[in-house]
């Protein structure tokens, strides 16, 4: 499929539609931003806000589990930003 001058939403919808037809969904990409450093308290990565346990689970996690990890990381980041 040619994607010149097509919105990102349209492209994503096409990919999801194709994946549903083949009975698979796109894999959720890692939120890693290549700033891999553990916070001073040792509980999470300061780059992506995933816990060390989340980092080790990621490669074997289902899309549902990955989404839960991402949701927790976003919540963690927002909470920490509100504290500072």
C-alpha atoms as a PDB file:
ATOM      1  CA  UNK A   1       0.000   0.000   0.000  1.00  0.00           C
ATOM      2  CA  UNK A   2       1.280   3.468  -0.921  1.00  0.00           C
ATOM      3  CA  UNK A   3       1.277   5.937   2.008  1.00  0.00           C
ATOM      4  CA  UNK A   4       2.241   9.280   0.470  1.00  0.00           C
ATOM      5  CA  UNK A   5       0.044  12.148   1.703  1.00  0.00           C
ATOM      6  CA  UNK A   6      -1.906   9.919   4.068  1.00  0.00           C
ATOM      7  CA  UNK A   7      -2.458  10.746   7.737  1.00  0.00           C
ATOM      8  CA  UNK A   8      -0.721   8.728  10.452  1.00  0.00           C
ATOM      9  CA  UNK A   9      -4.152   7.733  11.785  1.00  0.00           C
ATOM     10  CA  UNK A  10      -5.091   6.253   8.436  1.00  0.00           C
ATOM     11  CA  UNK A  11      -1.816   4.325   8.265  1.00  0.00           C
ATOM     12  CA  UNK A  12      -2.309   2.979  11.800  1.00  0.00           C
ATOM     13  CA  UNK A  13      -5.916   2.020  11.048  1.00  0.00           C
ATOM     14  CA  UNK A  14      -4.749   0.166   7.926  1.00  0.00           C
ATOM     15  CA  UNK A  15      -2.098  -1.706   9.911  1.00  0.00           C
ATOM     16  CA  UNK A  16      -4.590  -2.659  12.623  1.00  0.00           C
ATOM     17  CA  UNK A  17      -7.105  -3.780  10.001  1.00  0.00           C
ATOM     18  CA  UNK A  18      -4.461  -5.909   8.277  1.00  0.00           C
ATOM     19  CA  UNK A  19      -3.398  -7.369  11.625  1.00  0.00           C
ATOM     20  CA  UNK A  20      -6.981  -8.200  12.556  1.00  0.00           C
ATOM     21  CA  UNK A  21      -7.454  -9.941   9.213  1.00  0.00           C
ATOM     22  CA  UNK A  22      -4.399 -12.068   9.933  1.00  0.00           C
ATOM     23  CA  UNK A  23      -5.605 -12.546  13.527  1.00  0.00           C
ATOM     24  CA  UNK A  24      -2.576 -10.806  15.034  1.00  0.00           C
ATOM     25  CA  UNK A  25      -2.189  -7.346  16.511  1.00  0.00           C
ATOM     26  CA  UNK A  26       0.823  -5.075  16.158  1.00  0.00           C
ATOM     27  CA  UNK A  27       3.396  -5.545  18.885  1.00  0.00           C
ATOM     28  CA  UNK A  28       3.609  -2.727  21.405  1.00  0.00           C
ATOM     29  CA  UNK A  29       7.004  -1.089  21.040  1.00  0.00           C
ATOM     30  CA  UNK A  30       9.318  -0.623  23.994  1.00  0.00           C
ATOM     31  CA  UNK A  31       9.214   2.842  25.598  1.00  0.00           C
ATOM     32  CA  UNK A  32      13.004   2.737  26.000  1.00  0.00           C
ATOM     33  CA  UNK A  33      14.617   6.059  25.080  1.00  0.00           C
ATOM     34  CA  UNK A  34      18.202   4.809  25.558  1.00  0.00           C
ATOM     35  CA  UNK A  35      18.611   6.610  28.894  1.00  0.00           C
ATOM     36  CA  UNK A  36      19.054   3.451  30.910  1.00  0.00           C
ATOM     37  CA  UNK A  37      19.868   4.468  34.452  1.00  0.00           C
ATOM     38  CA  UNK A  38      18.325   3.251  37.683  1.00  0.00           C
ATOM     39  CA  UNK A  39      16.848   5.916  39.945  1.00  0.00           C
ATOM     40  CA  UNK A  40      18.665   6.567  43.243  1.00  0.00           C
ATOM     41  CA  UNK A  41      16.060   4.531  45.132  1.00  0.00           C
ATOM     42  CA  UNK A  42      16.757   1.573  42.816  1.00  0.00           C
ATOM     43  CA  UNK A  43      13.104   1.111  41.896  1.00  0.00           C
ATOM     44  CA  UNK A  44      12.792   2.241  38.270  1.00  0.00           C
ATOM     45  CA  UNK A  45      14.630   3.417  35.154  1.00  0.00           C
ATOM     46  CA  UNK A  46      14.824   7.214  34.910  1.00  0.00           C
ATOM     47  CA  UNK A  47      14.528   7.038  31.121  1.00  0.00           C
ATOM     48  CA  UNK A  48      11.299   5.066  30.659  1.00  0.00           C
ATOM     49  CA  UNK A  49      10.009   4.857  34.261  1.00  0.00           C
ATOM     50  CA  UNK A  50       9.604   1.082  34.117  1.00  0.00           C
ATOM     51  CA  UNK A  51      10.552  -0.910  37.201  1.00  0.00           C
ATOM     52  CA  UNK A  52      13.425  -3.361  37.035  1.00  0.00           C
ATOM     53  CA  UNK A  53      10.855  -6.168  37.169  1.00  0.00           C
ATOM     54  CA  UNK A  54       8.994  -4.589  34.216  1.00  0.00           C
ATOM     55  CA  UNK A  55      12.227  -4.399  32.235  1.00  0.00           C
ATOM     56  CA  UNK A  56      12.935  -8.088  32.686  1.00  0.00           C
ATOM     57  CA  UNK A  57       9.349  -9.099  31.838  1.00  0.00           C
ATOM     58  CA  UNK A  58       9.029  -6.920  28.710  1.00  0.00           C
ATOM     59  CA  UNK A  59      10.388  -9.275  26.051  1.00  0.00           C
ATOM     60  CA  UNK A  60       8.079 -12.116  27.150  1.00  0.00           C
ATOM     61  CA  UNK A  61       5.009 -10.008  27.953  1.00  0.00           C
ATOM     62  CA  UNK A  62       1.790 -10.135  25.957  1.00  0.00           C
ATOM     63  CA  UNK A  63       0.446  -6.914  24.442  1.00  0.00           C
ATOM     64  CA  UNK A  64      -2.023  -6.692  27.330  1.00  0.00           C
ATOM     65  CA  UNK A  65       0.798  -7.013  29.872  1.00  0.00           C
ATOM     66  CA  UNK A  66       2.906  -4.482  27.954  1.00  0.00           C
ATOM     67  CA  UNK A  67       0.014  -2.019  28.012  1.00  0.00           C
ATOM     68  CA  UNK A  68      -0.312  -2.491  31.784  1.00  0.00           C
ATOM     69  CA  UNK A  69       3.440  -1.875  32.168  1.00  0.00           C
ATOM     70  CA  UNK A  70       3.189   1.281  30.027  1.00  0.00           C
ATOM     71  CA  UNK A  71       0.184   2.559  31.980  1.00  0.00           C
ATOM     72  CA  UNK A  72       2.040   2.036  35.277  1.00  0.00           C
ATOM     73  CA  UNK A  73       5.160   3.766  33.903  1.00  0.00           C
ATOM     74  CA  UNK A  74       3.121   6.772  32.753  1.00  0.00           C
ATOM     75  CA  UNK A  75       1.410   6.968  36.135  1.00  0.00           C
ATOM     76  CA  UNK A  76       4.786   6.689  37.895  1.00  0.00           C
ATOM     77  CA  UNK A  77       6.261   9.479  35.775  1.00  0.00           C
ATOM     78  CA  UNK A  78       3.295  11.792  36.390  1.00  0.00           C
ATOM     79  CA  UNK A  79       3.415  11.121  40.128  1.00  0.00           C
ATOM     80  CA  UNK A  80       7.142  11.798  40.339  1.00  0.00           C
ATOM     81  CA  UNK A  81       6.845  14.966  38.243  1.00  0.00           C
ATOM     82  CA  UNK A  82       4.062  16.231  40.543  1.00  0.00           C
ATOM     83  CA  UNK A  83       6.337  15.704  43.555  1.00  0.00           C
ATOM     84  CA  UNK A  84       9.135  17.840  42.148  1.00  0.00           C
END
